[in-house]
Every structure is written in structure tokens, then in C-alpha cells.
C-alpha atoms as a PDB file:
ATOM      1  CA  UNK A   1       8.790 -32.956 -10.115  1.00  0.00           C
ATOM      2  CA  UNK A   2       6.403 -34.069  -7.472  1.00  0.00           C
ATOM      3  CA  UNK A   3       3.122 -36.001  -7.621  1.00  0.00           C
ATOM      4  CA  UNK A   4      -0.177 -35.830  -9.397  1.00  0.00           C
ATOM      5  CA  UNK A   5      -1.982 -32.480  -9.253  1.00  0.00           C
ATOM      6  CA  UNK A   6      -4.891 -32.172  -6.850  1.00  0.00           C
ATOM      7  CA  UNK A   7      -8.080 -30.890  -8.523  1.00  0.00           C
ATOM      8  CA  UNK A   8      -9.759 -27.802  -7.098  1.00  0.00           C
ATOM      9  CA  UNK A   9     -13.026 -29.753  -6.922  1.00  0.00           C
ATOM     10  CA  UNK A  10     -11.482 -31.823  -4.093  1.00  0.00           C
ATOM     11  CA  UNK A  11     -10.880 -28.728  -1.949  1.00  0.00           C
ATOM     12  CA  UNK A  12     -13.975 -28.334   0.205  1.00  0.00           C
ATOM     13  CA  UNK A  13     -15.019 -25.554   2.525  1.00  0.00           C
ATOM     14  CA  UNK A  14     -17.971 -26.097   4.817  1.00  0.00           C
ATOM     15  CA  UNK A  15     -18.256 -22.363   5.545  1.00  0.00           C
ATOM     16  CA  UNK A  16     -17.855 -22.871   9.285  1.00  0.00           C
ATOM     17  CA  UNK A  17     -14.130 -22.146   9.496  1.00  0.00           C
ATOM     18  CA  UNK A  18     -13.581 -19.876   6.483  1.00  0.00           C
ATOM     19  CA  UNK A  19     -15.848 -17.595   4.473  1.00  0.00           C
ATOM     20  CA  UNK A  20     -15.231 -16.651   0.839  1.00  0.00           C
ATOM     21  CA  UNK A  21     -14.784 -12.867   0.691  1.00  0.00           C
ATOM     22  CA  UNK A  22     -13.341 -12.270  -2.768  1.00  0.00           C
ATOM     23  CA  UNK A  23     -12.567 -13.999  -6.041  1.00  0.00           C
ATOM     24  CA  UNK A  24     -10.533 -12.592  -8.916  1.00  0.00           C
ATOM     25  CA  UNK A  25      -8.565 -13.629 -11.992  1.00  0.00           C
ATOM     26  CA  UNK A  26      -4.906 -12.924 -12.617  1.00  0.00           C
ATOM     27  CA  UNK A  27      -1.775 -14.528 -14.027  1.00  0.00           C
ATOM     28  CA  UNK A  28       1.146 -16.035 -12.174  1.00  0.00           C
ATOM     29  CA  UNK A  29       4.292 -13.883 -12.378  1.00  0.00           C
ATOM     30  CA  UNK A  30       7.891 -15.102 -12.458  1.00  0.00           C
ATOM     31  CA  UNK A  31       7.124 -18.296 -14.381  1.00  0.00           C
ATOM     32  CA  UNK A  32      10.397 -18.185 -16.350  1.00  0.00           C
ATOM     33  CA  UNK A  33      12.687 -18.618 -13.335  1.00  0.00           C
ATOM     34  CA  UNK A  34      14.079 -21.683 -11.573  1.00  0.00           C
ATOM     35  CA  UNK A  35      13.013 -22.403  -8.004  1.00  0.00           C
ATOM     36  CA  UNK A  36      15.637 -21.630  -5.383  1.00  0.00           C
ATOM     37  CA  UNK A  37      14.499 -24.344  -2.961  1.00  0.00           C
ATOM     38  CA  UNK A  38      14.258 -27.371  -5.273  1.00  0.00           C
ATOM     39  CA  UNK A  39      16.074 -26.234  -8.458  1.00  0.00           C
ATOM     40  CA  UNK A  40      13.139 -27.138 -10.714  1.00  0.00           C
ATOM     41  CA  UNK A  41      12.550 -25.069 -13.822  1.00  0.00           C
ATOM     42  CA  UNK A  42       9.087 -23.498 -13.566  1.00  0.00           C
ATOM     43  CA  UNK A  43       8.546 -23.729 -17.322  1.00  0.00           C
ATOM     44  CA  UNK A  44       9.013 -27.502 -17.174  1.00  0.00           C
ATOM     45  CA  UNK A  45       6.669 -27.796 -14.195  1.00  0.00           C
ATOM     46  CA  UNK A  46       4.013 -25.786 -16.021  1.00  0.00           C
ATOM     47  CA  UNK A  47       4.363 -27.668 -19.315  1.00  0.00           C
ATOM     48  CA  UNK A  48       4.339 -31.144 -17.730  1.00  0.00           C
ATOM     49  CA  UNK A  49       2.205 -30.819 -14.601  1.00  0.00           C
ATOM     50  CA  UNK A  50      -0.264 -27.940 -14.847  1.00  0.00           C
ATOM     51  CA  UNK A  51      -3.803 -28.388 -16.173  1.00  0.00           C
ATOM     52  CA  UNK A  52      -7.089 -26.537 -16.091  1.00  0.00           C
ATOM     53  CA  UNK A  53      -8.799 -27.049 -12.723  1.00  0.00           C
ATOM     54  CA  UNK A  54      -5.643 -27.897 -10.750  1.00  0.00           C
ATOM     55  CA  UNK A  55      -5.629 -26.576  -7.173  1.00  0.00           C
ATOM     56  CA  UNK A  56      -2.999 -24.090  -5.993  1.00  0.00           C
ATOM     57  CA  UNK A  57      -2.165 -22.648  -2.585  1.00  0.00           C
ATOM     58  CA  UNK A  58      -0.771 -19.165  -2.062  1.00  0.00           C
ATOM     59  CA  UNK A  59       1.709 -18.524   0.744  1.00  0.00           C
ATOM     60  CA  UNK A  60       3.266 -15.410   2.199  1.00  0.00           C
ATOM     61  CA  UNK A  61       7.012 -15.026   1.805  1.00  0.00           C
ATOM     62  CA  UNK A  62       7.800 -12.001   4.021  1.00  0.00           C
ATOM     63  CA  UNK A  63      11.585 -12.488   3.808  1.00  0.00           C
ATOM     64  CA  UNK A  64      11.639 -12.327   0.005  1.00  0.00           C
ATOM     65  CA  UNK A  65      14.582 -10.097  -1.015  1.00  0.00           C
ATOM     66  CA  UNK A  66      12.591  -8.508  -3.873  1.00  0.00           C
ATOM     67  CA  UNK A  67       9.545  -7.537  -1.810  1.00  0.00           C
ATOM     68  CA  UNK A  68       8.398  -8.110   1.778  1.00  0.00           C
ATOM     69  CA  UNK A  69       4.756  -8.505   0.626  1.00  0.00           C
ATOM     70  CA  UNK A  70       5.580 -11.421  -1.706  1.00  0.00           C
ATOM     71  CA  UNK A  71       2.966 -14.152  -2.129  1.00  0.00           C
ATOM     72  CA  UNK A  72       4.177 -17.340  -3.790  1.00  0.00           C
ATOM     73  CA  UNK A  73       2.035 -19.833  -5.697  1.00  0.00           C
ATOM     74  CA  UNK A  74       2.505 -23.589  -5.153  1.00  0.00           C
ATOM     75  CA  UNK A  75       0.915 -26.672  -6.625  1.00  0.00           C
ATOM     76  CA  UNK A  76      -1.212 -28.903  -4.411  1.00  0.00           C
ATOM     77  CA  UNK A  77      -0.635 -32.606  -5.069  1.00  0.00           C
ATOM     78  CA  UNK A  78      -1.907 -35.921  -3.781  1.00  0.00           C
ATOM     79  CA  UNK A  79       0.057 -37.458  -0.927  1.00  0.00           C
ATOM     80  CA  UNK A  80       0.406 -41.029   0.326  1.00  0.00           C
ATOM     81  CA  UNK A  81      -2.267 -40.291   2.948  1.00  0.00           C
ATOM     82  CA  UNK A  82      -5.851 -40.230   1.610  1.00  0.00           C
ATOM     83  CA  UNK A  83      -7.597 -36.845   1.910  1.00  0.00           C
ATOM     84  CA  UNK A  84      -4.318 -35.185   2.968  1.00  0.00           C
ATOM     85  CA  UNK A  85      -2.943 -33.303  -0.035  1.00  0.00           C
ATOM     86  CA  UNK A  86       0.420 -31.595   0.275  1.00  0.00           C
ATOM     87  CA  UNK A  87       2.222 -28.654  -1.249  1.00  0.00           C
ATOM     88  CA  UNK A  88       4.623 -29.263  -4.108  1.00  0.00           C
ATOM     89  CA  UNK A  89       6.672 -27.049  -6.433  1.00  0.00           C
ATOM     90  CA  UNK A  90       6.417 -23.313  -6.692  1.00  0.00           C
ATOM     91  CA  UNK A  91       5.054 -21.945  -9.978  1.00  0.00           C
ATOM     92  CA  UNK A  92       5.759 -18.259  -9.335  1.00  0.00           C
ATOM     93  CA  UNK A  93       4.231 -15.288  -7.508  1.00  0.00           C
ATOM     94  CA  UNK A  94       1.284 -12.942  -7.479  1.00  0.00           C
ATOM     95  CA  UNK A  95       2.030  -9.492  -8.902  1.00  0.00           C
ATOM     96  CA  UNK A  96       3.559  -6.884  -6.589  1.00  0.00           C
ATOM     97  CA  UNK A  97       0.342  -4.874  -6.775  1.00  0.00           C
ATOM     98  CA  UNK A  98      -1.883  -7.762  -5.664  1.00  0.00           C
ATOM     99  CA  UNK A  99       0.589  -8.871  -2.996  1.00  0.00           C
ATOM    100  CA  UNK A 100       0.647  -5.361  -1.548  1.00  0.00           C
ATOM    101  CA  UNK A 101      -3.137  -5.467  -1.122  1.00  0.00           C
ATOM    102  CA  UNK A 102      -3.408  -9.046   0.161  1.00  0.00           C
ATOM    103  CA  UNK A 103      -0.342  -9.492   2.392  1.00  0.00           C
ATOM    104  CA  UNK A 104      -1.715  -7.377   5.228  1.00  0.00           C
ATOM    105  CA  UNK A 105      -4.989  -9.337   5.338  1.00  0.00           C
ATOM    106  CA  UNK A 106      -3.092 -12.635   5.306  1.00  0.00           C
ATOM    107  CA  UNK A 107      -0.692 -11.537   8.045  1.00  0.00           C
ATOM    108  CA  UNK A 108      -3.115  -9.720  10.356  1.00  0.00           C
ATOM    109  CA  UNK A 109      -6.531 -11.250   9.704  1.00  0.00           C
ATOM    110  CA  UNK A 110      -5.593 -14.835   8.837  1.00  0.00           C
ATOM    111  CA  UNK A 111      -6.921 -14.707   5.289  1.00  0.00           C
ATOM    112  CA  UNK A 112      -6.185 -17.812   3.214  1.00  0.00           C
ATOM    113  CA  UNK A 113      -5.764 -17.890  -0.567  1.00  0.00           C
ATOM    114  CA  UNK A 114      -6.502 -20.838  -2.826  1.00  0.00           C
ATOM    115  CA  UNK A 115      -6.472 -20.715  -6.604  1.00  0.00           C
ATOM    116  CA  UNK A 116      -7.374 -22.866  -9.560  1.00  0.00           C
ATOM    117  CA  UNK A 117      -5.721 -22.953 -12.927  1.00  0.00           C
ATOM    118  CA  UNK A 118      -8.006 -21.490 -15.595  1.00  0.00           C
ATOM    119  CA  UNK A 119      -5.640 -22.243 -18.463  1.00  0.00           C
ATOM    120  CA  UNK A 120      -2.014 -22.630 -19.471  1.00  0.00           C
ATOM    121  CA  UNK A 121      -0.973 -20.283 -22.266  1.00  0.00           C
ATOM    122  CA  UNK A 122       1.939 -20.065 -24.703  1.00  0.00           C
ATOM    123  CA  UNK A 123       4.445 -22.810 -25.315  1.00  0.00           C
ATOM    124  CA  UNK A 124       4.201 -22.800 -29.098  1.00  0.00           C
ATOM    125  CA  UNK A 125       6.807 -21.321 -31.449  1.00  0.00           C
ATOM    126  CA  UNK A 126       9.375 -21.170 -28.660  1.00  0.00           C
ATOM    127  CA  UNK A 127       7.240 -18.901 -26.479  1.00  0.00           C
ATOM    128  CA  UNK A 128       7.227 -19.282 -22.713  1.00  0.00           C
ATOM    129  CA  UNK A 129       4.320 -20.871 -20.909  1.00  0.00           C
ATOM    130  CA  UNK A 130       2.056 -18.757 -18.716  1.00  0.00           C
ATOM    131  CA  UNK A 131      -0.682 -19.625 -16.225  1.00  0.00           C
ATOM    132  CA  UNK A 132      -3.978 -17.798 -15.755  1.00  0.00           C
ATOM    133  CA  UNK A 133      -5.619 -18.440 -12.399  1.00  0.00           C
ATOM    134  CA  UNK A 134      -8.683 -17.634 -10.349  1.00  0.00           C
ATOM    135  CA  UNK A 135      -7.810 -16.729  -6.766  1.00  0.00           C
ATOM    136  CA  UNK A 136     -10.344 -17.235  -3.974  1.00  0.00           C
ATOM    137  CA  UNK A 137      -9.738 -15.281  -0.766  1.00  0.00           C
ATOM    138  CA  UNK A 138     -11.168 -16.642   2.492  1.00  0.00           C
ATOM    139  CA  UNK A 139     -11.323 -15.054   5.925  1.00  0.00           C
ATOM    140  CA  UNK A 140     -11.739 -16.920   9.218  1.00  0.00           C
ATOM    141  CA  UNK A 141     -15.444 -17.324   9.999  1.00  0.00           C
ATOM    142  CA  UNK A 142     -14.805 -16.020  13.521  1.00  0.00           C
ATOM    143  CA  UNK A 143     -14.972 -12.490  12.088  1.00  0.00           C
ATOM    144  CA  UNK A 144     -18.485 -13.197  10.828  1.00  0.00           C
ATOM    145  CA  UNK A 145     -19.701 -14.962  13.969  1.00  0.00           C
ATOM    146  CA  UNK A 146     -18.620 -12.191  16.325  1.00  0.00           C
ATOM    147  CA  UNK A 147     -19.799  -9.373  14.094  1.00  0.00           C
ATOM    148  CA  UNK A 148     -16.416  -7.792  14.803  1.00  0.00           C
ATOM    149  CA  UNK A 149     -15.609  -4.910  12.481  1.00  0.00           C
ATOM    150  CA  UNK A 150     -12.245  -5.248  10.827  1.00  0.00           C
ATOM    151  CA  UNK A 151     -10.017  -2.267  10.243  1.00  0.00           C
ATOM    152  CA  UNK A 152      -8.490  -2.104   6.775  1.00  0.00           C
ATOM    153  CA  UNK A 153      -5.461   0.068   6.096  1.00  0.00           C
ATOM    154  CA  UNK A 154      -5.741   2.443   3.147  1.00  0.00           C
ATOM    155  CA  UNK A 155      -5.676   0.479  -0.114  1.00  0.00           C
ATOM    156  CA  UNK A 156      -6.448  -2.852   1.564  1.00  0.00           C
ATOM    157  CA  UNK A 157     -10.230  -2.691   1.633  1.00  0.00           C
ATOM    158  CA  UNK A 158     -11.927  -5.447  -0.405  1.00  0.00           C
ATOM    159  CA  UNK A 159     -13.657  -4.281  -3.570  1.00  0.00           C
ATOM    160  CA  UNK A 160     -17.268  -3.151  -3.112  1.00  0.00           C
ATOM    161  CA  UNK A 161     -19.815  -5.933  -3.404  1.00  0.00           C
ATOM    162  CA  UNK A 162     -17.331  -8.757  -2.822  1.00  0.00           C
ATOM    163  CA  UNK A 163     -17.843  -9.355   0.895  1.00  0.00           C
ATOM    164  CA  UNK A 164     -20.879 -11.443   1.686  1.00  0.00           C
ATOM    165  CA  UNK A 165     -22.562 -10.255   4.858  1.00  0.00           C
ATOM    166  CA  UNK A 166     -23.696 -12.942   7.256  1.00  0.00           C
END
């Protein structure tokens, strides 16, 4: 397993490049599988490396054989270069329902998703570990600066009251 987890408090956003448009809580899905790319067992990664406040990055995986809207969740860890964290092991995915809503905005509007670990659950009495997270969705600030109206396909509109008008 790779490196020391990067805390979410080290991820900064000056508001000039990206604007927070939504924040929600969910759990990571698929945490009982092994990773295809590195062979690591996700349960071991979670039990040994995941802690409250750790930063996560969410990436699109459009060629996923299970679903073309897939959004995977990876750890962010310290690198050898100061102030340049890097992505590490995959912990799982967002649910199909969330991915269906978010994938279009990521693909067509450049939305970026970060998350922080709220808590790690389970693990006792032979139960599997789980991870509850808070996901923060950011859109490029250029949409705010230009006053450009975005078109949302049906079912992809952000929840009422979550977009902060500039």
C-alpha cells in the first residue's frame, strides 16, 4: 500500500478556479473487492490506511464494464515533492445512482469531486469495513465569471439551494 494519507485540510481552493456547488454524504460502494490495477485488497487498505479527515479524489471511469457512468474513489497521499500530493489506491466507487447524476457534469462541464472520510465503520466480529464520506462538487469558476447559463439534462440538475450564486 502506498504512502501516508493526505488530510483534507491540506486541500485548498482559492475560489478563483473552482466554485463549490454541492456537498453531500454517502458511502463508498464496492469496498469488499480487490483492485484490478494494483491487486490490493480494499478491506486491507481501509483497515490500515483510512482515517477520519483523509482526502479522497473521485475520477470518472467511462470504460467500466459494469457501468459507463462509473466514478471511482482514490486515496490522496503525500508524495516526495512538497505540496504535490498524488493519487494512490482505489477504495471503491460511488453508487450507480450518484454516478448517473454526476458523470455528465464531470464530462461536459468539468466538475471536480473531492471527498473526505467521515468515518470508517465495521471491522468487528468479522464484519467488513465500510467508509462514509462527504463529497464536495466543484465547477470551474469560468461558468460564474461569464454568467453563462448551463444546460442540465433531465435528472442532472443540482438540488435546490445548493448552488451559490455569484
